[in-house]
Amino acid sequence: TSLQRDLSHIMEWIRVYANQPLTVKRVSDQFNYNPDYLTRQFKQHIGMSLQKYIILVKMTKAKDILSRTRRTIKEVAADVGIQDEKYFMRLFKKTEGMTPTAFRKAFYRIHLTNLKE
């Protein structure tokens, strides 16, 4: 259906624009949907809320940046379209169960251990 096609386009668009401040309203406007309708359809077809998906994509991108670069937490937050560093840190901890700094340290330890083997 056209809705399912739109949903896959929306998911791809969110991945492409994850470096920008994204809201459910911005995504809905971009694809000419009512925000409430899109949120319901997204949850029904994808299995998570649109808001949660936006955060998931941003946190996945943040983990990639944290593991590959020495960028500051503030820079990483900006890289995923979040201007408020404290909010980014709370969001990261809530979704990943650890702070961005702890994630980076854990990642480097794992990486170094793997290199030695």
PDB file of N, CA and C in Angstrom:
ATOM      1  N   THR A   1       0.847  -1.200   0.000  1.00  0.00           N
ATOM      2  CA  THR A   1       0.000   0.000   0.000  1.00  0.00           C
ATOM      3  C   THR A   1       0.879   1.245   0.000  1.00  0.00           C
ATOM      4  N   SER A   2       0.248   2.367  -0.302  1.00  0.00           N
ATOM      5  CA  SER A   2       1.025   3.612  -0.346  1.00  0.00           C
ATOM      6  C   SER A   2       1.489   4.018   1.053  1.00  0.00           C
ATOM      7  N   LEU A   3       0.681   3.685   2.082  1.00  0.00           N
ATOM      8  CA  LEU A   3       1.100   4.011   3.449  1.00  0.00           C
ATOM      9  C   LEU A   3       2.375   3.252   3.810  1.00  0.00           C
ATOM     10  N   GLN A   4       2.408   1.955   3.504  1.00  0.00           N
ATOM     11  CA  GLN A   4       3.606   1.170   3.826  1.00  0.00           C
ATOM     12  C   GLN A   4       4.819   1.672   3.051  1.00  0.00           C
ATOM     13  N   ARG A   5       4.609   2.072   1.805  1.00  0.00           N
ATOM     14  CA  ARG A   5       5.698   2.638   1.013  1.00  0.00           C
ATOM     15  C   ARG A   5       6.165   3.943   1.662  1.00  0.00           C
ATOM     16  N   ASP A   6       5.201   4.765   2.072  1.00  0.00           N
ATOM     17  CA  ASP A   6       5.539   6.020   2.751  1.00  0.00           C
ATOM     18  C   ASP A   6       6.308   5.762   4.044  1.00  0.00           C
ATOM     19  N   LEU A   7       5.881   4.758   4.810  1.00  0.00           N
ATOM     20  CA  LEU A   7       6.560   4.460   6.073  1.00  0.00           C
ATOM     21  C   LEU A   7       8.023   4.094   5.839  1.00  0.00           C
ATOM     22  N   SER A   8       8.306   3.310   4.800  1.00  0.00           N
ATOM     23  CA  SER A   8       9.708   2.973   4.540  1.00  0.00           C
ATOM     24  C   SER A   8      10.474   4.205   4.057  1.00  0.00           C
ATOM     25  N   HIS A   9       9.823   5.079   3.291  1.00  0.00           N
ATOM     26  CA  HIS A   9      10.463   6.341   2.888  1.00  0.00           C
ATOM     27  C   HIS A   9      10.728   7.221   4.101  1.00  0.00           C
ATOM     28  N   ILE A  10       9.762   7.263   5.010  1.00  0.00           N
ATOM     29  CA  ILE A  10       9.891   8.072   6.228  1.00  0.00           C
ATOM     30  C   ILE A  10      11.071   7.562   7.064  1.00  0.00           C
ATOM     31  N   MET A  11      11.170   6.245   7.218  1.00  0.00           N
ATOM     32  CA  MET A  11      12.265   5.666   8.006  1.00  0.00           C
ATOM     33  C   MET A  11      13.612   6.001   7.381  1.00  0.00           C
ATOM     34  N   GLU A  12      13.692   5.909   6.070  1.00  0.00           N
ATOM     35  CA  GLU A  12      14.930   6.229   5.356  1.00  0.00           C
ATOM     36  C   GLU A  12      15.251   7.719   5.499  1.00  0.00           C
ATOM     37  N   TRP A  13      14.236   8.566   5.358  1.00  0.00           N
ATOM     38  CA  TRP A  13      14.409  10.022   5.470  1.00  0.00           C
ATOM     39  C   TRP A  13      14.944  10.383   6.859  1.00  0.00           C
ATOM     40  N   ILE A  14      14.401   9.727   7.894  1.00  0.00           N
ATOM     41  CA  ILE A  14      14.864   9.974   9.266  1.00  0.00           C
ATOM     42  C   ILE A  14      16.335   9.576   9.399  1.00  0.00           C
ATOM     43  N   ARG A  15      16.718   8.444   8.810  1.00  0.00           N
ATOM     44  CA  ARG A  15      18.130   8.024   8.867  1.00  0.00           C
ATOM     45  C   ARG A  15      19.034   9.047   8.175  1.00  0.00           C
ATOM     46  N   VAL A  16      18.594   9.562   7.027  1.00  0.00           N
ATOM     47  CA  VAL A  16      19.383  10.543   6.270  1.00  0.00           C
ATOM     48  C   VAL A  16      19.510  11.865   7.031  1.00  0.00           C
ATOM     49  N   TYR A  17      18.415  12.292   7.662  1.00  0.00           N
ATOM     50  CA  TYR A  17      18.407  13.596   8.333  1.00  0.00           C
ATOM     51  C   TYR A  17      18.560  13.508   9.857  1.00  0.00           C
ATOM     52  N   ALA A  18      19.116  12.401  10.338  1.00  0.00           N
ATOM     53  CA  ALA A  18      19.294  12.205  11.781  1.00  0.00           C
ATOM     54  C   ALA A  18      20.197  13.265  12.409  1.00  0.00           C
ATOM     55  N   ASN A  19      20.971  13.954  11.586  1.00  0.00           N
ATOM     56  CA  ASN A  19      21.871  14.989  12.102  1.00  0.00           C
ATOM     57  C   ASN A  19      21.154  16.315  12.336  1.00  0.00           C
ATOM     58  N   GLN A  20      19.855  16.355  12.054  1.00  0.00           N
ATOM     59  CA  GLN A  20      19.074  17.574  12.238  1.00  0.00           C
ATOM     60  C   GLN A  20      18.083  17.411  13.388  1.00  0.00           C
ATOM     61  N   PRO A  21      17.617  18.548  13.916  1.00  0.00           N
ATOM     62  CA  PRO A  21      16.580  18.451  14.957  1.00  0.00           C
ATOM     63  C   PRO A  21      15.298  17.892  14.336  1.00  0.00           C
ATOM     64  N   LEU A  22      14.930  16.685  14.695  1.00  0.00           N
ATOM     65  CA  LEU A  22      13.726  16.066  14.130  1.00  0.00           C
ATOM     66  C   LEU A  22      12.655  15.925  15.199  1.00  0.00           C
ATOM     67  N   THR A  23      11.442  16.272  14.823  1.00  0.00           N
ATOM     68  CA  THR A  23      10.291  16.072  15.696  1.00  0.00           C
ATOM     69  C   THR A  23       9.245  15.312  14.901  1.00  0.00           C
ATOM     70  N   VAL A  24       8.288  14.754  15.611  1.00  0.00           N
ATOM     71  CA  VAL A  24       7.176  14.069  14.940  1.00  0.00           C
ATOM     72  C   VAL A  24       6.481  15.058  13.992  1.00  0.00           C
ATOM     73  N   LYS A  25       6.315  16.297  14.443  1.00  0.00           N
ATOM     74  CA  LYS A  25       5.664  17.315  13.619  1.00  0.00           C
ATOM     75  C   LYS A  25       6.456  17.585  12.342  1.00  0.00           C
ATOM     76  N   ARG A  26       7.761  17.705  12.465  1.00  0.00           N
ATOM     77  CA  ARG A  26       8.582  17.979  11.277  1.00  0.00           C
ATOM     78  C   ARG A  26       8.485  16.826  10.273  1.00  0.00           C
ATOM     79  N   VAL A  27       8.540  15.598  10.758  1.00  0.00           N
ATOM     80  CA  VAL A  27       8.446  14.424   9.890  1.00  0.00           C
ATOM     81  C   VAL A  27       7.054  14.378   9.241  1.00  0.00           C
ATOM     82  N   SER A  28       6.016  14.616  10.046  1.00  0.00           N
ATOM     83  CA  SER A  28       4.635  14.604   9.533  1.00  0.00           C
ATOM     84  C   SER A  28       4.449  15.656   8.452  1.00  0.00           C
ATOM     85  N   ASP A  29       4.953  16.862   8.712  1.00  0.00           N
ATOM     86  CA  ASP A  29       4.838  17.946   7.734  1.00  0.00           C
ATOM     87  C   ASP A  29       5.569  17.600   6.436  1.00  0.00           C
ATOM     88  N   GLN A  30       6.748  17.019   6.574  1.00  0.00           N
ATOM     89  CA  GLN A  30       7.562  16.658   5.407  1.00  0.00           C
ATOM     90  C   GLN A  30       6.802  15.714   4.470  1.00  0.00           C
ATOM     91  N   PHE A  31       6.007  14.809   5.061  1.00  0.00           N
ATOM     92  CA  PHE A  31       5.287  13.806   4.269  1.00  0.00           C
ATOM     93  C   PHE A  31       3.786  14.076   4.179  1.00  0.00           C
ATOM     94  N   ASN A  32       3.377  15.269   4.589  1.00  0.00           N
ATOM     95  CA  ASN A  32       1.964  15.680   4.515  1.00  0.00           C
ATOM     96  C   ASN A  32       1.003  14.733   5.233  1.00  0.00           C
ATOM     97  N   TYR A  33       1.356  14.388   6.470  1.00  0.00           N
ATOM     98  CA  TYR A  33       0.473  13.572   7.300  1.00  0.00           C
ATOM     99  C   TYR A  33       0.103  14.358   8.551  1.00  0.00           C
ATOM    100  N   ASN A  34      -1.065  14.027   9.092  1.00  0.00           N
ATOM    101  CA  ASN A  34      -1.429  14.537  10.402  1.00  0.00           C
ATOM    102  C   ASN A  34      -0.519  13.821  11.413  1.00  0.00           C
ATOM    103  N   PRO A  35       0.108  14.570  12.338  1.00  0.00           N
ATOM    104  CA  PRO A  35       1.050  13.947  13.287  1.00  0.00           C
ATOM    105  C   PRO A  35       0.446  12.799  14.101  1.00  0.00           C
ATOM    106  N   ASP A  36      -0.787  12.954  14.568  1.00  0.00           N
ATOM    107  CA  ASP A  36      -1.427  11.899  15.365  1.00  0.00           C
ATOM    108  C   ASP A  36      -1.673  10.650  14.526  1.00  0.00           C
ATOM    109  N   TYR A  37      -2.149  10.857  13.290  1.00  0.00           N
ATOM    110  CA  TYR A  37      -2.401   9.735  12.383  1.00  0.00           C
ATOM    111  C   TYR A  37      -1.091   9.004  12.078  1.00  0.00           C
ATOM    112  N   LEU A  38      -0.068   9.765  11.737  1.00  0.00           N
ATOM    113  CA  LEU A  38       1.221   9.151  11.392  1.00  0.00           C
ATOM    114  C   LEU A  38       1.790   8.384  12.588  1.00  0.00           C
ATOM    115  N   THR A  39       1.694   8.963  13.771  1.00  0.00           N
ATOM    116  CA  THR A  39       2.182   8.302  14.986  1.00  0.00           C
ATOM    117  C   THR A  39       1.472   6.966  15.197  1.00  0.00           C
ATOM    118  N   ARG A  40       0.149   6.967  15.048  1.00  0.00           N
ATOM    119  CA  ARG A  40      -0.633   5.725  15.214  1.00  0.00           C
ATOM    120  C   ARG A  40      -0.238   4.684  14.171  1.00  0.00           C
ATOM    121  N   GLN A  41      -0.162   5.107  12.905  1.00  0.00           N
ATOM    122  CA  GLN A  41       0.174   4.174  11.826  1.00  0.00           C
ATOM    123  C   GLN A  41       1.589   3.631  11.978  1.00  0.00           C
ATOM    124  N   PHE A  42       2.495   4.488  12.382  1.00  0.00           N
ATOM    125  CA  PHE A  42       3.885   4.082  12.565  1.00  0.00           C
ATOM    126  C   PHE A  42       3.977   3.005  13.639  1.00  0.00           C
ATOM    127  N   LYS A  43       3.301   3.265  14.759  1.00  0.00           N
ATOM    128  CA  LYS A  43       3.315   2.302  15.874  1.00  0.00           C
ATOM    129  C   LYS A  43       2.683   0.973  15.436  1.00  0.00           C
ATOM    130  N   GLN A  44       1.574   1.061  14.721  1.00  0.00           N
ATOM    131  CA  GLN A  44       0.856  -0.143  14.283  1.00  0.00           C
ATOM    132  C   GLN A  44       1.692  -0.977  13.303  1.00  0.00           C
ATOM    133  N   HIS A  45       2.352  -0.326  12.353  1.00  0.00           N
ATOM    134  CA  HIS A  45       3.083  -1.050  11.310  1.00  0.00           C
ATOM    135  C   HIS A  45       4.544  -1.347  11.664  1.00  0.00           C
ATOM    136  N   ILE A  46       5.173  -0.474  12.424  1.00  0.00           N
ATOM    137  CA  ILE A  46       6.596  -0.618  12.713  1.00  0.00           C
ATOM    138  C   ILE A  46       6.821  -1.229  14.108  1.00  0.00           C
ATOM    139  N   GLY A  47       5.857  -1.039  15.001  1.00  0.00           N
ATOM    140  CA  GLY A  47       5.961  -1.656  16.322  1.00  0.00           C
ATOM    141  C   GLY A  47       6.599  -0.763  17.381  1.00  0.00           C
ATOM    142  N   MET A  48       6.881   0.472  17.022  1.00  0.00           N
ATOM    143  CA  MET A  48       7.360   1.440  18.019  1.00  0.00           C
ATOM    144  C   MET A  48       6.864   2.807  17.593  1.00  0.00           C
ATOM    145  N   SER A  49       6.845   3.734  18.533  1.00  0.00           N
ATOM    146  CA  SER A  49       6.347   5.058  18.185  1.00  0.00           C
ATOM    147  C   SER A  49       7.342   5.771  17.273  1.00  0.00           C
ATOM    148  N   LEU A  50       6.852   6.720  16.527  1.00  0.00           N
ATOM    149  CA  LEU A  50       7.693   7.515  15.635  1.00  0.00           C
ATOM    150  C   LEU A  50       8.764   8.245  16.439  1.00  0.00           C
ATOM    151  N   GLN A  51       8.360   8.807  17.577  1.00  0.00           N
ATOM    152  CA  GLN A  51       9.303   9.508  18.455  1.00  0.00           C
ATOM    153  C   GLN A  51      10.433   8.568  18.891  1.00  0.00           C
ATOM    154  N   LYS A  52      10.060   7.358  19.269  1.00  0.00           N
ATOM    155  CA  LYS A  52      11.051   6.377  19.725  1.00  0.00           C
ATOM    156  C   LYS A  52      11.999   6.005  18.577  1.00  0.00           C
ATOM    157  N   TYR A  53      11.459   5.879  17.378  1.00  0.00           N
ATOM    158  CA  TYR A  53      12.291   5.556  16.216  1.00  0.00           C
ATOM    159  C   TYR A  53      13.298   6.673  15.928  1.00  0.00           C
ATOM    160  N   ILE A  54      12.833   7.919  15.992  1.00  0.00           N
ATOM    161  CA  ILE A  54      13.724   9.068  15.768  1.00  0.00           C
ATOM    162  C   ILE A  54      14.886   9.007  16.771  1.00  0.00           C
ATOM    163  N   ILE A  55      14.566   8.759  18.035  1.00  0.00           N
ATOM    164  CA  ILE A  55      15.586   8.682  19.086  1.00  0.00           C
ATOM    165  C   ILE A  55      16.531   7.499  18.837  1.00  0.00           C
ATOM    166  N   LEU A  56      15.969   6.359  18.471  1.00  0.00           N
ATOM    167  CA  LEU A  56      16.772   5.167  18.190  1.00  0.00           C
ATOM    168  C   LEU A  56      17.797   5.447  17.084  1.00  0.00           C
ATOM    169  N   VAL A  57      17.357   6.081  16.018  1.00  0.00           N
ATOM    170  CA  VAL A  57      18.252   6.399  14.899  1.00  0.00           C
ATOM    171  C   VAL A  57      19.351   7.361  15.360  1.00  0.00           C
ATOM    172  N   LYS A  58      18.959   8.381  16.115  1.00  0.00           N
ATOM    173  CA  LYS A  58      19.937   9.351  16.618  1.00  0.00           C
ATOM    174  C   LYS A  58      20.953   8.690  17.556  1.00  0.00           C
ATOM    175  N   MET A  59      20.501   7.812  18.440  1.00  0.00           N
ATOM    176  CA  MET A  59      21.403   7.159  19.390  1.00  0.00           C
ATOM    177  C   MET A  59      22.329   6.166  18.671  1.00  0.00           C
ATOM    178  N   THR A  60      21.825   5.500  17.645  1.00  0.00           N
ATOM    179  CA  THR A  60      22.660   4.594  16.848  1.00  0.00           C
ATOM    180  C   THR A  60      23.776   5.384  16.174  1.00  0.00           C
ATOM    181  N   LYS A  61      23.417   6.535  15.618  1.00  0.00           N
ATOM    182  CA  LYS A  61      24.400   7.411  14.977  1.00  0.00           C
ATOM    183  C   LYS A  61      25.403   7.924  16.021  1.00  0.00           C
ATOM    184  N   ALA A  62      24.894   8.298  17.200  1.00  0.00           N
ATOM    185  CA  ALA A  62      25.763   8.804  18.271  1.00  0.00           C
ATOM    186  C   ALA A  62      26.766   7.728  18.698  1.00  0.00           C
ATOM    187  N   LYS A  63      26.309   6.479  18.833  1.00  0.00           N
ATOM    188  CA  LYS A  63      27.207   5.389  19.238  1.00  0.00           C
ATOM    189  C   LYS A  63      28.299   5.187  18.194  1.00  0.00           C
ATOM    190  N   ASP A  64      27.932   5.305  16.936  1.00  0.00           N
ATOM    191  CA  ASP A  64      28.905   5.169  15.856  1.00  0.00           C
ATOM    192  C   ASP A  64      29.971   6.271  15.960  1.00  0.00           C
ATOM    193  N   ILE A  65      29.528   7.503  16.158  1.00  0.00           N
ATOM    194  CA  ILE A  65      30.464   8.631  16.283  1.00  0.00           C
ATOM    195  C   ILE A  65      31.344   8.470  17.527  1.00  0.00           C
ATOM    196  N   LEU A  66      30.724   8.098  18.645  1.00  0.00           N
ATOM    197  CA  LEU A  66      31.475   7.906  19.895  1.00  0.00           C
ATOM    198  C   LEU A  66      32.545   6.829  19.745  1.00  0.00           C
ATOM    199  N   SER A  67      32.237   5.788  18.999  1.00  0.00           N
ATOM    200  CA  SER A  67      33.171   4.665  18.884  1.00  0.00           C
ATOM    201  C   SER A  67      34.255   4.909  17.836  1.00  0.00           C
ATOM    202  N   ARG A  68      34.030   5.842  16.919  1.00  0.00           N
ATOM    203  CA  ARG A  68      35.008   6.059  15.845  1.00  0.00           C
ATOM    204  C   ARG A  68      35.802   7.359  15.954  1.00  0.00           C
ATOM    205  N   THR A  69      35.361   8.290  16.793  1.00  0.00           N
ATOM    206  CA  THR A  69      36.020   9.596  16.844  1.00  0.00           C
ATOM    207  C   THR A  69      36.339   9.996  18.279  1.00  0.00           C
ATOM    208  N   ARG A  70      37.057  11.082  18.408  1.00  0.00           N
ATOM    209  CA  ARG A  70      37.343  11.645  19.725  1.00  0.00           C
ATOM    210  C   ARG A  70      36.544  12.939  19.933  1.00  0.00           C
ATOM    211  N   ARG A  71      35.468  13.089  19.185  1.00  0.00           N
ATOM    212  CA  ARG A  71      34.637  14.293  19.309  1.00  0.00           C
ATOM    213  C   ARG A  71      34.071  14.392  20.724  1.00  0.00           C
ATOM    214  N   THR A  72      33.919  15.628  21.201  1.00  0.00           N
ATOM    215  CA  THR A  72      33.379  15.828  22.545  1.00  0.00           C
ATOM    216  C   THR A  72      31.907  15.418  22.568  1.00  0.00           C
ATOM    217  N   ILE A  73      31.382  15.220  23.765  1.00  0.00           N
ATOM    218  CA  ILE A  73      29.968  14.851  23.923  1.00  0.00           C
ATOM    219  C   ILE A  73      29.088  15.952  23.319  1.00  0.00           C
ATOM    220  N   LYS A  74      29.472  17.204  23.539  1.00  0.00           N
ATOM    221  CA  LYS A  74      28.725  18.336  22.988  1.00  0.00           C
ATOM    222  C   LYS A  74      28.713  18.276  21.453  1.00  0.00           C
ATOM    223  N   GLU A  75      29.851  17.947  20.849  1.00  0.00           N
ATOM    224  CA  GLU A  75      29.931  17.826  19.387  1.00  0.00           C
ATOM    225  C   GLU A  75      29.104  16.648  18.883  1.00  0.00           C
ATOM    226  N   VAL A  76      29.169  15.532  19.597  1.00  0.00           N
ATOM    227  CA  VAL A  76      28.380  14.350  19.206  1.00  0.00           C
ATOM    228  C   VAL A  76      26.886  14.685  19.267  1.00  0.00           C
ATOM    229  N   ALA A  77      26.473  15.374  20.338  1.00  0.00           N
ATOM    230  CA  ALA A  77      25.069  15.784  20.470  1.00  0.00           C
ATOM    231  C   ALA A  77      24.661  16.627  19.262  1.00  0.00           C
ATOM    232  N   ALA A  78      25.494  17.608  18.899  1.00  0.00           N
ATOM    233  CA  ALA A  78      25.203  18.464  17.741  1.00  0.00           C
ATOM    234  C   ALA A  78      25.172  17.647  16.448  1.00  0.00           C
ATOM    235  N   ASP A  79      26.052  16.646  16.346  1.00  0.00           N
ATOM    236  CA  ASP A  79      26.105  15.782  15.156  1.00  0.00           C
ATOM    237  C   ASP A  79      24.801  15.021  14.936  1.00  0.00           C
ATOM    238  N   VAL A  80      24.052  14.788  16.007  1.00  0.00           N
ATOM    239  CA  VAL A  80      22.773  14.076  15.873  1.00  0.00           C
ATOM    240  C   VAL A  80      21.589  15.038  16.064  1.00  0.00           C
ATOM    241  N   GLY A  81      21.854  16.325  15.866  1.00  0.00           N
ATOM    242  CA  GLY A  81      20.774  17.315  15.850  1.00  0.00           C
ATOM    243  C   GLY A  81      20.192  17.663  17.205  1.00  0.00           C
ATOM    244  N   ILE A  82      20.972  17.450  18.267  1.00  0.00           N
ATOM    245  CA  ILE A  82      20.503  17.800  19.607  1.00  0.00           C
ATOM    246  C   ILE A  82      21.426  18.891  20.151  1.00  0.00           C
ATOM    247  N   GLN A  83      20.875  20.091  20.310  1.00  0.00           N
ATOM    248  CA  GLN A  83      21.700  21.231  20.727  1.00  0.00           C
ATOM    249  C   GLN A  83      21.991  21.222  22.226  1.00  0.00           C
ATOM    250  N   ASP A  84      21.085  20.655  23.004  1.00  0.00           N
ATOM    251  CA  ASP A  84      21.232  20.625  24.457  1.00  0.00           C
ATOM    252  C   ASP A  84      22.022  19.378  24.873  1.00  0.00           C
ATOM    253  N   GLU A  85      23.268  19.600  25.258  1.00  0.00           N
ATOM    254  CA  GLU A  85      24.175  18.506  25.623  1.00  0.00           C
ATOM    255  C   GLU A  85      23.641  17.682  26.798  1.00  0.00           C
ATOM    256  N   LYS A  86      23.064  18.359  27.793  1.00  0.00           N
ATOM    257  CA  LYS A  86      22.531  17.667  28.976  1.00  0.00           C
ATOM    258  C   LYS A  86      21.357  16.763  28.582  1.00  0.00           C
ATOM    259  N   TYR A  87      20.484  17.281  27.712  1.00  0.00           N
ATOM    260  CA  TYR A  87      19.357  16.479  27.228  1.00  0.00           C
ATOM    261  C   TYR A  87      19.872  15.260  26.461  1.00  0.00           C
ATOM    262  N   PHE A  88      20.868  15.473  25.610  1.00  0.00           N
ATOM    263  CA  PHE A  88      21.468  14.369  24.866  1.00  0.00           C
ATOM    264  C   PHE A  88      21.987  13.294  25.820  1.00  0.00           C
ATOM    265  N   MET A  89      22.705  13.732  26.860  1.00  0.00           N
ATOM    266  CA  MET A  89      23.282  12.781  27.816  1.00  0.00           C
ATOM    267  C   MET A  89      22.194  11.989  28.546  1.00  0.00           C
ATOM    268  N   ARG A  90      21.103  12.664  28.935  1.00  0.00           N
ATOM    269  CA  ARG A  90      19.973  11.971  29.598  1.00  0.00           C
ATOM    270  C   ARG A  90      19.334  10.959  28.654  1.00  0.00           C
ATOM    271  N   LEU A  91      19.117  11.386  27.406  1.00  0.00           N
ATOM    272  CA  LEU A  91      18.499  10.526  26.395  1.00  0.00           C
ATOM    273  C   LEU A  91      19.380   9.305  26.126  1.00  0.00           C
ATOM    274  N   PHE A  92      20.668   9.534  25.992  1.00  0.00           N
ATOM    275  CA  PHE A  92      21.609   8.444  25.726  1.00  0.00           C
ATOM    276  C   PHE A  92      21.592   7.445  26.877  1.00  0.00           C
ATOM    277  N   LYS A  93      21.658   7.961  28.089  1.00  0.00           N
ATOM    278  CA  LYS A  93      21.680   7.081  29.268  1.00  0.00           C
ATOM    279  C   LYS A  93      20.377   6.281  29.367  1.00  0.00           C
ATOM    280  N   LYS A  94      19.255   6.952  29.071  1.00  0.00           N
ATOM    281  CA  LYS A  94      17.950   6.281  29.137  1.00  0.00           C
ATOM    282  C   LYS A  94      17.862   5.156  28.099  1.00  0.00           C
ATOM    283  N   THR A  95      18.359   5.393  26.890  1.00  0.00           N
ATOM    284  CA  THR A  95      18.235   4.376  25.839  1.00  0.00           C
ATOM    285  C   THR A  95      19.336   3.324  25.886  1.00  0.00           C
ATOM    286  N   GLU A  96      20.535   3.705  26.318  1.00  0.00           N
ATOM    287  CA  GLU A  96      21.672   2.777  26.278  1.00  0.00           C
ATOM    288  C   GLU A  96      22.051   2.209  27.644  1.00  0.00           C
ATOM    289  N   GLY A  97      21.503   2.790  28.717  1.00  0.00           N
ATOM    290  CA  GLY A  97      21.801   2.277  30.051  1.00  0.00           C
ATOM    291  C   GLY A  97      23.154   2.711  30.601  1.00  0.00           C
ATOM    292  N   MET A  98      23.814   3.618  29.890  1.00  0.00           N
ATOM    293  CA  MET A  98      25.095   4.172  30.375  1.00  0.00           C
ATOM    294  C   MET A  98      25.302   5.533  29.727  1.00  0.00           C
ATOM    295  N   THR A  99      26.201   6.307  30.299  1.00  0.00           N
ATOM    296  CA  THR A  99      26.461   7.633  29.738  1.00  0.00           C
ATOM    297  C   THR A  99      27.259   7.503  28.440  1.00  0.00           C
ATOM    298  N   PRO A 100      27.254   8.535  27.600  1.00  0.00           N
ATOM    299  CA  PRO A 100      28.066   8.497  26.378  1.00  0.00           C
ATOM    300  C   PRO A 100      29.555   8.259  26.681  1.00  0.00           C
ATOM    301  N   THR A 101      30.058   8.859  27.749  1.00  0.00           N
ATOM    302  CA  THR A 101      31.463   8.690  28.129  1.00  0.00           C
ATOM    303  C   THR A 101      31.746   7.242  28.538  1.00  0.00           C
ATOM    304  N   ALA A 102      30.854   6.669  29.341  1.00  0.00           N
ATOM    305  CA  ALA A 102      31.006   5.269  29.753  1.00  0.00           C
ATOM    306  C   ALA A 102      30.933   4.348  28.543  1.00  0.00           C
ATOM    307  N   PHE A 103      30.030   4.653  27.599  1.00  0.00           N
ATOM    308  CA  PHE A 103      29.917   3.850  26.373  1.00  0.00           C
ATOM    309  C   PHE A 103      31.241   3.881  25.615  1.00  0.00           C
ATOM    310  N   ARG A 104      31.784   5.074  25.453  1.00  0.00           N
ATOM    311  CA  ARG A 104      33.037   5.226  24.705  1.00  0.00           C
ATOM    312  C   ARG A 104      34.164   4.433  25.384  1.00  0.00           C
ATOM    313  N   LYS A 105      34.256   4.531  26.700  1.00  0.00           N
ATOM    314  CA  LYS A 105      35.305   3.809  27.437  1.00  0.00           C
ATOM    315  C   LYS A 105      35.116   2.300  27.281  1.00  0.00           C
ATOM    316  N   ALA A 106      33.883   1.830  27.430  1.00  0.00           N
ATOM    317  CA  ALA A 106      33.584   0.400  27.300  1.00  0.00           C
ATOM    318  C   ALA A 106      33.903  -0.066  25.889  1.00  0.00           C
ATOM    319  N   PHE A 107      33.542   0.743  24.897  1.00  0.00           N
ATOM    320  CA  PHE A 107      33.794   0.374  23.503  1.00  0.00           C
ATOM    321  C   PHE A 107      35.298   0.252  23.257  1.00  0.00           C
ATOM    322  N   TYR A 108      36.072   1.235  23.740  1.00  0.00           N
ATOM    323  CA  TYR A 108      37.515   1.191  23.528  1.00  0.00           C
ATOM    324  C   TYR A 108      38.152  -0.014  24.206  1.00  0.00           C
ATOM    325  N   ARG A 109      37.658  -0.354  25.408  1.00  0.00           N
ATOM    326  CA  ARG A 109      38.179  -1.534  26.107  1.00  0.00           C
ATOM    327  C   ARG A 109      37.910  -2.795  25.303  1.00  0.00           C
ATOM    328  N   ILE A 110      36.702  -2.949  24.818  1.00  0.00           N
ATOM    329  CA  ILE A 110      36.321  -4.122  24.017  1.00  0.00           C
ATOM    330  C   ILE A 110      37.177  -4.166  22.753  1.00  0.00           C
ATOM    331  N   HIS A 111      37.301  -3.022  22.096  1.00  0.00           N
ATOM    332  CA  HIS A 111      38.049  -2.911  20.855  1.00  0.00           C
ATOM    333  C   HIS A 111      39.519  -3.292  21.071  1.00  0.00           C
ATOM    334  N   LEU A 112      40.112  -2.759  22.146  1.00  0.00           N
ATOM    335  CA  LEU A 112      41.517  -3.061  22.435  1.00  0.00           C
ATOM    336  C   LEU A 112      41.709  -4.539  22.778  1.00  0.00           C
ATOM    337  N   THR A 113      40.759  -5.097  23.504  1.00  0.00           N
ATOM    338  CA  THR A 113      40.820  -6.515  23.857  1.00  0.00           C
ATOM    339  C   THR A 113      40.784  -7.367  22.583  1.00  0.00           C
ATOM    340  N   ASN A 114      39.902  -6.997  21.649  1.00  0.00           N
ATOM    341  CA  ASN A 114      39.780  -7.733  20.396  1.00  0.00           C
ATOM    342  C   ASN A 114      41.055  -7.628  19.550  1.00  0.00           C
ATOM    343  N   LEU A 115      41.699  -6.484  19.615  1.00  0.00           N
ATOM    344  CA  LEU A 115      42.930  -6.295  18.836  1.00  0.00           C
ATOM    345  C   LEU A 115      44.063  -7.180  19.342  1.00  0.00           C
ATOM    346  N   LYS A 116      44.065  -7.430  20.655  1.00  0.00           N
ATOM    347  CA  LYS A 116      45.160  -8.222  21.256  1.00  0.00           C
ATOM    348  C   LYS A 116      45.049  -9.705  20.941  1.00  0.00           C
ATOM    349  N   GLU A 117      43.834 -10.164  20.677  1.00  0.00           N
ATOM    350  CA  GLU A 117      43.628 -11.616  20.506  1.00  0.00           C
ATOM    351  C   GLU A 117      44.246 -12.134  19.224  1.00  0.00           C
TER     352      GLU A 117
END
